[in-house]
N, C-alpha and C. Protein backbone atom coordinates (compact mmCIF):
# COMPACT_ATOMS: atom_id res chain seq x y z
N MET A 1 41.92 -69.97 119.31
CA MET A 1 42.36 -68.65 119.72
C MET A 1 41.58 -67.56 118.97
N HIS A 2 41.31 -67.81 117.68
CA HIS A 2 40.58 -66.82 116.88
C HIS A 2 39.20 -66.56 117.49
N TRP A 3 38.51 -67.68 117.86
CA TRP A 3 37.18 -67.53 118.43
C TRP A 3 37.23 -66.86 119.81
N ASP A 4 38.23 -67.17 120.57
CA ASP A 4 38.37 -66.54 121.88
C ASP A 4 38.47 -65.03 121.75
N ARG A 5 39.30 -64.59 120.81
CA ARG A 5 39.46 -63.14 120.60
C ARG A 5 38.16 -62.51 120.11
N LEU A 6 37.46 -63.24 119.24
CA LEU A 6 36.19 -62.73 118.72
C LEU A 6 35.18 -62.55 119.85
N PHE A 7 35.08 -63.59 120.71
CA PHE A 7 34.14 -63.50 121.83
C PHE A 7 34.52 -62.37 122.80
N GLU A 8 35.83 -62.20 123.03
CA GLU A 8 36.28 -61.12 123.90
C GLU A 8 35.92 -59.76 123.31
N ASP A 9 36.10 -59.63 121.99
CA ASP A 9 35.74 -58.37 121.32
C ASP A 9 34.24 -58.11 121.43
N LEU A 10 33.43 -59.16 121.20
CA LEU A 10 31.98 -59.01 121.28
C LEU A 10 31.55 -58.64 122.69
N GLU A 11 32.16 -59.31 123.69
CA GLU A 11 31.83 -58.98 125.09
C GLU A 11 32.20 -57.54 125.42
N GLY A 12 33.37 -57.09 124.90
CA GLY A 12 33.79 -55.71 125.13
C GLY A 12 32.83 -54.72 124.49
N GLN A 13 32.37 -55.03 123.25
CA GLN A 13 31.43 -54.15 122.57
C GLN A 13 30.10 -54.09 123.32
N LEU A 14 29.63 -55.27 123.76
CA LEU A 14 28.36 -55.33 124.49
C LEU A 14 28.44 -54.56 125.80
N ALA A 15 29.55 -54.72 126.51
CA ALA A 15 29.73 -53.99 127.77
C ALA A 15 29.76 -52.49 127.52
N SER A 16 30.41 -52.07 126.44
CA SER A 16 30.49 -50.65 126.10
C SER A 16 29.10 -50.10 125.77
N GLU A 17 28.32 -50.88 125.02
CA GLU A 17 26.97 -50.45 124.66
C GLU A 17 26.09 -50.34 125.90
N TRP A 18 26.20 -51.35 126.77
CA TRP A 18 25.42 -51.29 128.01
C TRP A 18 25.81 -50.07 128.86
N GLU A 19 27.11 -49.81 128.94
CA GLU A 19 27.58 -48.67 129.72
C GLU A 19 27.08 -47.36 129.12
N ALA A 20 27.12 -47.25 127.79
CA ALA A 20 26.63 -46.05 127.12
C ALA A 20 25.13 -45.87 127.35
N GLU A 21 24.40 -47.01 127.28
CA GLU A 21 22.95 -46.94 127.49
C GLU A 21 22.62 -46.55 128.93
N ARG A 22 23.37 -47.11 129.90
CA ARG A 22 23.17 -46.76 131.30
C ARG A 22 23.49 -45.29 131.55
N ALA A 23 24.57 -44.79 130.93
CA ALA A 23 24.93 -43.38 131.09
C ALA A 23 23.85 -42.47 130.51
N ALA A 24 23.29 -42.88 129.35
CA ALA A 24 22.22 -42.09 128.73
C ALA A 24 20.98 -42.07 129.61
N LEU A 25 20.64 -43.23 130.19
CA LEU A 25 19.49 -43.31 131.08
C LEU A 25 19.71 -42.48 132.34
N ASP A 26 20.92 -42.52 132.89
CA ASP A 26 21.25 -41.73 134.08
C ASP A 26 21.14 -40.24 133.78
N ALA A 27 21.66 -39.85 132.60
CA ALA A 27 21.61 -38.43 132.21
C ALA A 27 20.16 -37.98 132.03
N GLU A 28 19.33 -38.81 131.40
CA GLU A 28 17.93 -38.47 131.21
C GLU A 28 17.20 -38.42 132.55
N SER A 29 17.52 -39.36 133.44
CA SER A 29 16.91 -39.36 134.76
C SER A 29 17.26 -38.08 135.53
N GLU A 30 18.52 -37.65 135.41
CA GLU A 30 18.95 -36.42 136.08
C GLU A 30 18.24 -35.21 135.49
N ARG A 31 18.08 -35.19 134.16
CA ARG A 31 17.38 -34.06 133.53
C ARG A 31 15.93 -33.99 134.01
N LEU A 32 15.29 -35.16 134.14
CA LEU A 32 13.91 -35.18 134.64
C LEU A 32 13.84 -34.73 136.09
N ARG A 33 14.83 -35.14 136.91
CA ARG A 33 14.85 -34.72 138.32
C ARG A 33 14.99 -33.21 138.42
N ILE A 34 15.91 -32.63 137.65
CA ILE A 34 16.13 -31.18 137.65
C ILE A 34 14.87 -30.45 137.17
N ALA A 35 14.19 -31.04 136.18
CA ALA A 35 12.98 -30.41 135.65
C ALA A 35 11.89 -30.31 136.71
N ARG A 36 11.90 -31.22 137.68
CA ARG A 36 10.89 -31.19 138.75
C ARG A 36 11.33 -30.38 139.97
N LEU A 37 12.56 -29.92 139.98
CA LEU A 37 13.09 -29.19 141.14
C LEU A 37 12.54 -27.76 141.15
N ASP A 38 11.97 -27.36 142.27
CA ASP A 38 11.45 -25.99 142.37
C ASP A 38 12.38 -25.13 143.23
N LEU A 39 12.12 -23.83 143.21
CA LEU A 39 12.95 -22.88 143.95
C LEU A 39 12.95 -23.20 145.44
N ARG A 40 11.81 -23.60 145.95
CA ARG A 40 11.71 -23.89 147.39
C ARG A 40 12.67 -25.01 147.79
N GLY A 41 12.76 -26.04 146.94
CA GLY A 41 13.68 -27.14 147.22
C GLY A 41 15.12 -26.69 147.24
N ARG A 42 15.49 -25.78 146.34
CA ARG A 42 16.86 -25.29 146.31
C ARG A 42 17.14 -24.39 147.50
N LEU A 43 16.15 -23.58 147.89
CA LEU A 43 16.32 -22.73 149.07
C LEU A 43 16.46 -23.59 150.33
N ARG A 44 15.72 -24.71 150.38
CA ARG A 44 15.84 -25.62 151.51
C ARG A 44 17.27 -26.14 151.64
N MET A 45 17.88 -26.51 150.51
CA MET A 45 19.25 -27.00 150.53
C MET A 45 20.22 -25.90 150.94
N LEU A 46 20.00 -24.68 150.47
CA LEU A 46 20.88 -23.56 150.83
C LEU A 46 20.80 -23.27 152.33
N CYS A 47 19.60 -23.35 152.88
CA CYS A 47 19.43 -23.12 154.32
C CYS A 47 20.06 -24.24 155.13
N ALA A 48 19.91 -25.48 154.66
CA ALA A 48 20.49 -26.62 155.37
C ALA A 48 22.00 -26.52 155.42
N ALA A 49 22.59 -25.88 154.40
CA ALA A 49 24.05 -25.75 154.33
C ALA A 49 24.56 -24.44 154.94
N ASP A 50 23.66 -23.62 155.49
CA ASP A 50 24.04 -22.29 155.99
C ASP A 50 24.84 -21.53 154.93
N ALA A 51 24.40 -21.63 153.71
CA ALA A 51 25.14 -21.07 152.58
C ALA A 51 25.11 -19.54 152.59
N GLU A 52 26.12 -18.96 151.97
CA GLU A 52 26.20 -17.52 151.81
C GLU A 52 25.86 -17.16 150.36
N ALA A 53 25.18 -16.03 150.20
CA ALA A 53 24.81 -15.57 148.87
C ALA A 53 24.49 -14.09 148.95
N THR A 54 24.27 -13.50 147.81
CA THR A 54 23.73 -12.15 147.76
C THR A 54 22.33 -12.25 147.20
N ILE A 55 21.37 -11.76 147.95
CA ILE A 55 19.98 -11.78 147.49
C ILE A 55 19.69 -10.47 146.79
N GLU A 56 19.20 -10.59 145.57
CA GLU A 56 18.76 -9.42 144.82
C GLU A 56 17.24 -9.41 144.86
N LEU A 57 16.70 -8.36 145.45
CA LEU A 57 15.24 -8.26 145.54
C LEU A 57 14.64 -7.85 144.20
N ALA A 58 13.33 -7.95 144.11
CA ALA A 58 12.64 -7.65 142.86
C ALA A 58 12.84 -6.20 142.42
N ASP A 59 13.17 -5.31 143.36
CA ASP A 59 13.39 -3.90 142.98
C ASP A 59 14.86 -3.59 142.71
N GLY A 60 15.73 -4.61 142.74
CA GLY A 60 17.14 -4.42 142.41
C GLY A 60 18.06 -4.25 143.60
N ARG A 61 17.51 -4.04 144.80
CA ARG A 61 18.38 -3.93 145.98
C ARG A 61 19.05 -5.26 146.27
N ARG A 62 20.29 -5.20 146.74
CA ARG A 62 21.08 -6.42 146.97
C ARG A 62 21.57 -6.46 148.41
N PHE A 63 21.51 -7.67 149.01
CA PHE A 63 21.95 -7.86 150.39
C PHE A 63 22.81 -9.11 150.48
N PRO A 64 24.07 -8.98 150.93
CA PRO A 64 24.87 -10.19 151.19
C PRO A 64 24.39 -10.84 152.48
N VAL A 65 24.04 -12.12 152.41
CA VAL A 65 23.42 -12.79 153.55
C VAL A 65 23.96 -14.20 153.73
N ARG A 66 23.63 -14.76 154.89
CA ARG A 66 23.81 -16.19 155.16
C ARG A 66 22.42 -16.75 155.45
N PHE A 67 22.05 -17.80 154.73
CA PHE A 67 20.73 -18.39 154.90
C PHE A 67 20.60 -19.01 156.30
N GLN A 68 19.43 -18.80 156.90
CA GLN A 68 19.19 -19.30 158.26
C GLN A 68 18.03 -20.26 158.37
N GLY A 69 16.97 -19.99 157.65
CA GLY A 69 15.79 -20.84 157.79
C GLY A 69 14.82 -20.60 156.65
N TYR A 70 13.77 -21.40 156.61
CA TYR A 70 12.80 -21.31 155.55
C TYR A 70 11.45 -21.80 156.03
N GLY A 71 10.43 -21.42 155.30
CA GLY A 71 9.08 -21.87 155.60
C GLY A 71 8.37 -22.20 154.31
N ALA A 72 7.06 -22.16 154.34
CA ALA A 72 6.28 -22.54 153.17
C ALA A 72 6.52 -21.61 151.98
N ASP A 73 6.66 -20.31 152.25
CA ASP A 73 6.78 -19.35 151.15
C ASP A 73 7.73 -18.20 151.49
N TRP A 74 8.70 -18.45 152.37
CA TRP A 74 9.63 -17.40 152.79
C TRP A 74 10.97 -18.03 153.19
N ILE A 75 11.97 -17.17 153.26
CA ILE A 75 13.26 -17.57 153.81
C ILE A 75 13.69 -16.52 154.83
N ALA A 76 14.54 -16.94 155.75
CA ALA A 76 15.15 -16.02 156.71
C ALA A 76 16.65 -16.05 156.47
N ALA A 77 17.25 -14.88 156.48
CA ALA A 77 18.69 -14.78 156.22
C ALA A 77 19.28 -13.67 157.07
N ALA A 78 20.50 -13.89 157.55
CA ALA A 78 21.20 -12.91 158.37
C ALA A 78 22.14 -12.11 157.49
N SER A 79 22.22 -10.81 157.74
CA SER A 79 23.11 -9.96 156.95
C SER A 79 24.56 -10.31 157.20
N ARG A 80 25.39 -10.17 156.15
CA ARG A 80 26.82 -10.42 156.29
C ARG A 80 27.61 -9.12 156.25
N SER A 81 26.92 -7.98 156.19
CA SER A 81 27.61 -6.70 156.07
C SER A 81 28.09 -6.15 157.40
N ALA A 82 27.50 -6.65 158.49
CA ALA A 82 27.88 -6.14 159.80
C ALA A 82 29.28 -6.63 160.18
N SER A 83 30.09 -5.73 160.72
CA SER A 83 31.44 -6.11 161.16
C SER A 83 31.83 -5.21 162.33
N GLY A 84 32.78 -5.69 163.13
CA GLY A 84 33.23 -4.90 164.27
C GLY A 84 32.52 -5.33 165.54
N VAL A 85 33.06 -4.90 166.65
CA VAL A 85 32.55 -5.31 167.95
C VAL A 85 31.13 -4.82 168.20
N HIS A 86 30.85 -3.58 167.79
CA HIS A 86 29.55 -2.99 168.08
C HIS A 86 28.58 -3.11 166.91
N ALA A 87 28.92 -3.88 165.90
CA ALA A 87 28.03 -4.03 164.75
C ALA A 87 26.79 -4.82 165.15
N THR A 88 25.66 -4.43 164.58
CA THR A 88 24.39 -5.10 164.86
C THR A 88 23.96 -5.86 163.63
N ARG A 89 23.70 -7.13 163.82
CA ARG A 89 23.29 -7.95 162.69
C ARG A 89 21.80 -7.83 162.47
N SER A 90 21.41 -7.77 161.21
CA SER A 90 20.00 -7.75 160.86
C SER A 90 19.58 -9.10 160.32
N THR A 91 18.33 -9.43 160.54
CA THR A 91 17.76 -10.64 159.98
C THR A 91 16.66 -10.23 159.02
N PHE A 92 16.70 -10.83 157.83
CA PHE A 92 15.71 -10.53 156.80
C PHE A 92 14.73 -11.69 156.67
N LEU A 93 13.47 -11.36 156.62
CA LEU A 93 12.42 -12.31 156.31
C LEU A 93 11.94 -11.94 154.92
N ILE A 94 12.15 -12.83 153.95
CA ILE A 94 11.90 -12.49 152.55
C ILE A 94 10.93 -13.50 151.94
N PRO A 95 9.77 -13.02 151.45
CA PRO A 95 8.83 -13.93 150.78
C PRO A 95 9.41 -14.35 149.43
N HIS A 96 9.09 -15.55 148.99
CA HIS A 96 9.63 -16.05 147.73
C HIS A 96 9.35 -15.12 146.55
N HIS A 97 8.15 -14.49 146.54
CA HIS A 97 7.80 -13.64 145.40
C HIS A 97 8.71 -12.41 145.29
N ALA A 98 9.43 -12.08 146.36
CA ALA A 98 10.27 -10.88 146.35
C ALA A 98 11.68 -11.15 145.86
N ILE A 99 12.04 -12.42 145.67
CA ILE A 99 13.41 -12.75 145.25
C ILE A 99 13.55 -12.50 143.76
N GLY A 100 14.44 -11.55 143.41
CA GLY A 100 14.71 -11.28 142.01
C GLY A 100 15.77 -12.23 141.47
N ALA A 101 16.79 -12.49 142.27
CA ALA A 101 17.87 -13.41 141.89
C ALA A 101 18.71 -13.73 143.12
N LEU A 102 19.45 -14.82 143.04
CA LEU A 102 20.42 -15.19 144.06
C LEU A 102 21.78 -15.24 143.39
N VAL A 103 22.73 -14.52 143.96
CA VAL A 103 24.09 -14.50 143.43
C VAL A 103 24.95 -15.33 144.38
N LEU A 104 25.52 -16.45 143.88
CA LEU A 104 26.32 -17.32 144.73
C LEU A 104 27.40 -17.98 143.90
N ASP A 105 28.38 -18.56 144.60
CA ASP A 105 29.48 -19.16 143.85
C ASP A 105 29.04 -20.50 143.26
N HIS A 106 29.82 -20.98 142.30
CA HIS A 106 29.42 -22.15 141.51
C HIS A 106 29.27 -23.40 142.36
N GLY A 107 30.15 -23.58 143.34
CA GLY A 107 30.06 -24.76 144.20
C GLY A 107 28.77 -24.78 144.99
N VAL A 108 28.37 -23.63 145.53
CA VAL A 108 27.13 -23.54 146.30
C VAL A 108 25.93 -23.76 145.38
N LEU A 109 26.01 -23.20 144.17
CA LEU A 109 24.94 -23.38 143.20
C LEU A 109 24.73 -24.86 142.89
N LEU A 110 25.83 -25.58 142.65
CA LEU A 110 25.73 -27.02 142.35
C LEU A 110 25.21 -27.81 143.55
N ALA A 111 25.64 -27.42 144.75
CA ALA A 111 25.18 -28.10 145.96
C ALA A 111 23.67 -27.94 146.15
N SER A 112 23.13 -26.81 145.70
CA SER A 112 21.69 -26.58 145.85
C SER A 112 20.86 -27.47 144.93
N LEU A 113 21.53 -28.14 143.97
CA LEU A 113 20.84 -29.05 143.05
C LEU A 113 20.70 -30.45 143.62
N GLU A 114 21.35 -30.71 144.75
CA GLU A 114 21.32 -32.05 145.34
C GLU A 114 19.90 -32.42 145.74
N GLU A 115 19.68 -33.71 145.90
CA GLU A 115 18.37 -34.20 146.30
C GLU A 115 18.00 -33.59 147.64
N SER A 116 16.85 -32.95 147.69
CA SER A 116 16.40 -32.31 148.91
C SER A 116 15.99 -33.36 149.92
N VAL A 117 16.46 -33.20 151.15
CA VAL A 117 16.12 -34.16 152.20
C VAL A 117 15.27 -33.47 153.27
N LEU A 118 14.34 -34.24 153.82
CA LEU A 118 13.53 -33.71 154.91
C LEU A 118 14.36 -33.68 156.17
N ASP A 119 14.22 -32.63 156.95
CA ASP A 119 14.99 -32.52 158.18
C ASP A 119 14.05 -32.47 159.38
N ASP A 120 14.55 -31.96 160.47
CA ASP A 120 13.76 -31.91 161.69
C ASP A 120 12.81 -30.72 161.74
N HIS A 121 12.69 -29.99 160.63
CA HIS A 121 11.88 -28.78 160.63
C HIS A 121 10.64 -28.94 159.77
N ALA A 122 10.03 -30.12 159.79
CA ALA A 122 8.85 -30.37 158.97
C ALA A 122 7.72 -29.40 159.31
N LEU A 123 7.57 -29.09 160.60
CA LEU A 123 6.53 -28.14 161.00
C LEU A 123 6.83 -26.75 160.46
N ARG A 124 8.10 -26.35 160.51
CA ARG A 124 8.48 -25.03 160.01
C ARG A 124 8.18 -24.91 158.51
N GLU A 125 8.29 -26.00 157.78
CA GLU A 125 8.03 -25.97 156.34
C GLU A 125 6.59 -25.59 156.04
N ARG A 126 5.69 -25.78 156.99
CA ARG A 126 4.28 -25.43 156.78
C ARG A 126 3.96 -24.01 157.24
N MET A 127 4.92 -23.36 157.90
CA MET A 127 4.68 -21.98 158.36
C MET A 127 4.67 -21.03 157.17
N THR A 128 3.58 -20.31 157.02
CA THR A 128 3.48 -19.35 155.93
C THR A 128 4.06 -18.00 156.34
N PHE A 129 4.23 -17.13 155.36
CA PHE A 129 4.71 -15.78 155.60
C PHE A 129 3.81 -15.07 156.61
N GLY A 130 2.50 -15.20 156.43
CA GLY A 130 1.55 -14.56 157.35
C GLY A 130 1.66 -15.10 158.76
N PHE A 131 1.90 -16.41 158.91
CA PHE A 131 2.05 -17.02 160.22
C PHE A 131 3.22 -16.38 160.97
N VAL A 132 4.35 -16.20 160.28
CA VAL A 132 5.53 -15.62 160.93
C VAL A 132 5.27 -14.16 161.27
N LEU A 133 4.60 -13.43 160.40
CA LEU A 133 4.28 -12.03 160.69
C LEU A 133 3.36 -11.92 161.90
N ARG A 134 2.44 -12.85 162.03
CA ARG A 134 1.56 -12.84 163.21
C ARG A 134 2.36 -13.09 164.49
N ASP A 135 3.39 -13.92 164.39
CA ASP A 135 4.24 -14.16 165.56
C ASP A 135 5.03 -12.90 165.92
N LEU A 136 5.53 -12.19 164.90
CA LEU A 136 6.24 -10.93 165.16
C LEU A 136 5.31 -9.91 165.81
N ALA A 137 4.04 -9.89 165.36
CA ALA A 137 3.06 -8.98 165.95
C ALA A 137 2.79 -9.36 167.40
N ARG A 138 2.66 -10.65 167.66
CA ARG A 138 2.39 -11.11 169.03
C ARG A 138 3.52 -10.73 169.98
N ARG A 139 4.76 -10.81 169.48
CA ARG A 139 5.92 -10.51 170.32
C ARG A 139 6.30 -9.03 170.29
N ARG A 140 5.55 -8.22 169.53
CA ARG A 140 5.79 -6.76 169.45
C ARG A 140 7.20 -6.45 168.98
N VAL A 141 7.71 -7.20 168.03
CA VAL A 141 9.06 -6.99 167.51
C VAL A 141 9.05 -5.82 166.52
N PRO A 142 9.88 -4.80 166.73
CA PRO A 142 9.95 -3.70 165.77
C PRO A 142 10.58 -4.18 164.46
N VAL A 143 10.05 -3.68 163.34
CA VAL A 143 10.50 -4.14 162.03
C VAL A 143 10.70 -2.97 161.08
N HIS A 144 11.53 -3.22 160.06
CA HIS A 144 11.65 -2.33 158.91
C HIS A 144 11.03 -3.10 157.75
N ILE A 145 10.03 -2.53 157.11
CA ILE A 145 9.36 -3.20 156.00
C ILE A 145 9.71 -2.50 154.69
N SER A 146 10.31 -3.25 153.76
CA SER A 146 10.64 -2.74 152.43
C SER A 146 9.55 -3.18 151.46
N THR A 147 9.08 -2.24 150.64
CA THR A 147 7.99 -2.55 149.72
C THR A 147 8.41 -2.31 148.27
N ARG A 148 7.56 -2.77 147.36
CA ARG A 148 7.84 -2.64 145.93
C ARG A 148 7.96 -1.19 145.48
N SER A 149 7.36 -0.27 146.22
CA SER A 149 7.44 1.15 145.86
C SER A 149 8.83 1.72 146.09
N GLY A 150 9.69 0.94 146.75
CA GLY A 150 11.06 1.40 146.99
C GLY A 150 11.28 2.00 148.36
N GLY A 151 10.21 2.13 149.12
CA GLY A 151 10.35 2.72 150.44
C GLY A 151 10.59 1.68 151.52
N GLU A 152 11.04 2.18 152.68
CA GLU A 152 11.20 1.33 153.86
C GLU A 152 10.55 2.06 155.02
N THR A 153 9.68 1.37 155.72
CA THR A 153 8.94 1.96 156.83
C THR A 153 9.26 1.19 158.10
N HIS A 154 9.49 1.92 159.19
CA HIS A 154 9.78 1.29 160.47
C HIS A 154 8.56 1.37 161.37
N GLY A 155 8.33 0.30 162.12
CA GLY A 155 7.23 0.32 163.05
C GLY A 155 7.05 -1.03 163.71
N THR A 156 5.87 -1.25 164.24
CA THR A 156 5.52 -2.50 164.88
C THR A 156 4.25 -3.03 164.24
N ILE A 157 4.24 -4.32 163.94
CA ILE A 157 3.06 -4.93 163.33
C ILE A 157 1.99 -5.09 164.42
N ASP A 158 0.87 -4.43 164.23
CA ASP A 158 -0.22 -4.56 165.20
C ASP A 158 -0.98 -5.86 164.99
N ARG A 159 -1.16 -6.23 163.72
CA ARG A 159 -1.87 -7.48 163.41
C ARG A 159 -1.55 -7.87 161.97
N ALA A 160 -1.62 -9.18 161.72
CA ALA A 160 -1.42 -9.68 160.36
C ALA A 160 -2.63 -10.54 160.00
N ALA A 161 -3.30 -10.16 158.93
CA ALA A 161 -4.50 -10.86 158.48
C ALA A 161 -4.13 -11.90 157.42
N ALA A 162 -5.11 -12.26 156.59
CA ALA A 162 -4.87 -13.32 155.59
C ALA A 162 -3.85 -12.91 154.54
N ASP A 163 -3.92 -11.65 154.07
CA ASP A 163 -3.04 -11.23 152.98
C ASP A 163 -2.49 -9.82 153.15
N HIS A 164 -2.57 -9.29 154.36
CA HIS A 164 -2.07 -7.94 154.63
C HIS A 164 -1.79 -7.79 156.12
N LEU A 165 -1.11 -6.71 156.45
CA LEU A 165 -0.83 -6.42 157.86
C LEU A 165 -1.12 -4.97 158.17
N ASP A 166 -1.31 -4.69 159.45
CA ASP A 166 -1.46 -3.32 159.95
C ASP A 166 -0.17 -2.95 160.66
N LEU A 167 0.42 -1.85 160.25
CA LEU A 167 1.69 -1.41 160.82
C LEU A 167 1.51 -0.09 161.55
N ALA A 168 1.92 -0.05 162.82
CA ALA A 168 1.98 1.20 163.57
C ALA A 168 3.36 1.80 163.32
N VAL A 169 3.41 2.95 162.67
CA VAL A 169 4.67 3.56 162.26
C VAL A 169 5.25 4.40 163.41
N HIS A 170 6.54 4.15 163.70
CA HIS A 170 7.21 4.96 164.71
C HIS A 170 8.71 4.97 164.42
N GLU A 171 9.44 5.81 165.10
CA GLU A 171 10.88 5.96 164.86
C GLU A 171 11.64 4.70 165.29
N THR A 172 12.76 4.49 164.62
CA THR A 172 13.65 3.39 165.00
C THR A 172 14.15 3.61 166.42
N GLY A 173 14.13 2.57 167.21
CA GLY A 173 14.59 2.68 168.59
C GLY A 173 13.49 3.04 169.56
N GLU A 174 12.36 3.49 169.06
CA GLU A 174 11.22 3.82 169.93
C GLU A 174 10.37 2.58 170.16
N ALA A 175 9.81 2.47 171.35
CA ALA A 175 8.86 1.40 171.62
C ALA A 175 7.51 1.79 171.04
N ARG A 176 6.68 0.80 170.77
CA ARG A 176 5.35 1.09 170.21
C ARG A 176 4.42 1.56 171.35
N ARG A 177 4.49 2.87 171.60
CA ARG A 177 3.61 3.50 172.57
C ARG A 177 2.72 4.49 171.83
N ALA A 178 1.57 4.75 172.39
CA ALA A 178 0.60 5.63 171.72
C ALA A 178 1.24 6.97 171.35
N GLY A 179 2.06 7.53 172.26
CA GLY A 179 2.67 8.83 172.00
C GLY A 179 3.75 8.79 170.93
N ALA A 180 4.32 7.60 170.68
CA ALA A 180 5.41 7.48 169.71
C ALA A 180 4.91 7.18 168.30
N VAL A 181 3.68 6.68 168.20
CA VAL A 181 3.15 6.28 166.89
C VAL A 181 2.84 7.51 166.05
N GLN A 182 3.38 7.51 164.82
CA GLN A 182 3.20 8.64 163.90
C GLN A 182 2.07 8.42 162.90
N GLY A 183 1.63 7.19 162.79
CA GLY A 183 0.56 6.88 161.85
C GLY A 183 0.42 5.38 161.70
N PHE A 184 -0.53 4.99 160.85
CA PHE A 184 -0.82 3.58 160.64
C PHE A 184 -0.87 3.29 159.14
N ARG A 185 -0.45 2.08 158.78
CA ARG A 185 -0.49 1.68 157.37
C ARG A 185 -1.04 0.26 157.26
N ILE A 186 -1.81 0.04 156.22
CA ILE A 186 -2.19 -1.32 155.83
C ILE A 186 -1.27 -1.68 154.67
N VAL A 187 -0.55 -2.78 154.82
CA VAL A 187 0.43 -3.18 153.81
C VAL A 187 0.08 -4.58 153.29
N PRO A 188 -0.25 -4.71 152.00
CA PRO A 188 -0.53 -6.04 151.44
C PRO A 188 0.74 -6.89 151.43
N PHE A 189 0.60 -8.18 151.72
CA PHE A 189 1.76 -9.06 151.68
C PHE A 189 2.41 -9.03 150.29
N ALA A 190 1.59 -8.91 149.25
CA ALA A 190 2.11 -8.96 147.87
C ALA A 190 3.06 -7.81 147.57
N SER A 191 2.97 -6.71 148.33
CA SER A 191 3.85 -5.56 148.08
C SER A 191 5.12 -5.61 148.92
N ILE A 192 5.21 -6.56 149.85
CA ILE A 192 6.37 -6.63 150.75
C ILE A 192 7.53 -7.37 150.07
N LEU A 193 8.71 -6.73 150.08
CA LEU A 193 9.92 -7.36 149.56
C LEU A 193 10.76 -7.95 150.68
N ALA A 194 10.78 -7.30 151.83
CA ALA A 194 11.56 -7.81 152.94
C ALA A 194 11.06 -7.22 154.25
N VAL A 195 11.13 -8.02 155.29
CA VAL A 195 10.87 -7.55 156.65
C VAL A 195 12.17 -7.74 157.39
N ARG A 196 12.72 -6.63 157.89
CA ARG A 196 14.03 -6.69 158.53
C ARG A 196 13.88 -6.45 160.03
N THR A 197 14.51 -7.30 160.81
CA THR A 197 14.56 -7.12 162.25
C THR A 197 16.01 -7.02 162.67
N VAL A 198 16.23 -6.52 163.86
CA VAL A 198 17.60 -6.43 164.40
C VAL A 198 17.82 -7.64 165.29
N GLY A 199 18.86 -8.43 164.98
CA GLY A 199 19.16 -9.63 165.75
C GLY A 199 18.36 -10.81 165.24
N ASP A 200 18.31 -11.86 166.03
CA ASP A 200 17.66 -13.12 165.64
C ASP A 200 16.22 -13.12 166.15
N GLN A 201 15.35 -12.42 165.43
CA GLN A 201 13.97 -12.29 165.86
C GLN A 201 13.00 -13.13 165.03
N VAL A 202 13.52 -13.90 164.07
CA VAL A 202 12.65 -14.68 163.22
C VAL A 202 12.61 -16.11 163.71
N PRO A 203 11.44 -16.76 163.70
CA PRO A 203 11.34 -18.15 164.18
C PRO A 203 12.27 -19.07 163.42
């Protein structure tokens, strides 16, 4: 009986040590996984979950939104401030460099740490900010462009090049006609914080 108890104690100690070692290895593995996680992966998870958050832009402006989609270097999000029957929802196209912070609840934050999974939007993941802007130009979608200088300009994108766009400036609600255009601007992508459209105009 004495030896039986001794062996049981030794087996219990060994099992405890193995469990502690496995827990330590799991914890280290998780730390390494988190260390490799980039912002794009977390944004992918937030978009997959249609999560809600407040986006704080690099200039301090804040927008409560619901994530809708993502690409290589941008996210699309719908405003949550619109309410009422006649309210118009805006869609924001935001390049990653313009994100100052994301304000979200703890559960959503933890969910964004989950292992990122590939979905049916593999092609969309390769769409760059410039690619989407070129599509908006092709479709003549009117936009509000917010820049680092703190201003917001309304108009229609005439063309989007490698790292900048040409904007025909006109009043909100006006179509891009020669008589309505008030001027033209070249806007570097690096200065853009957000491109806002009315409704679901983003790919």
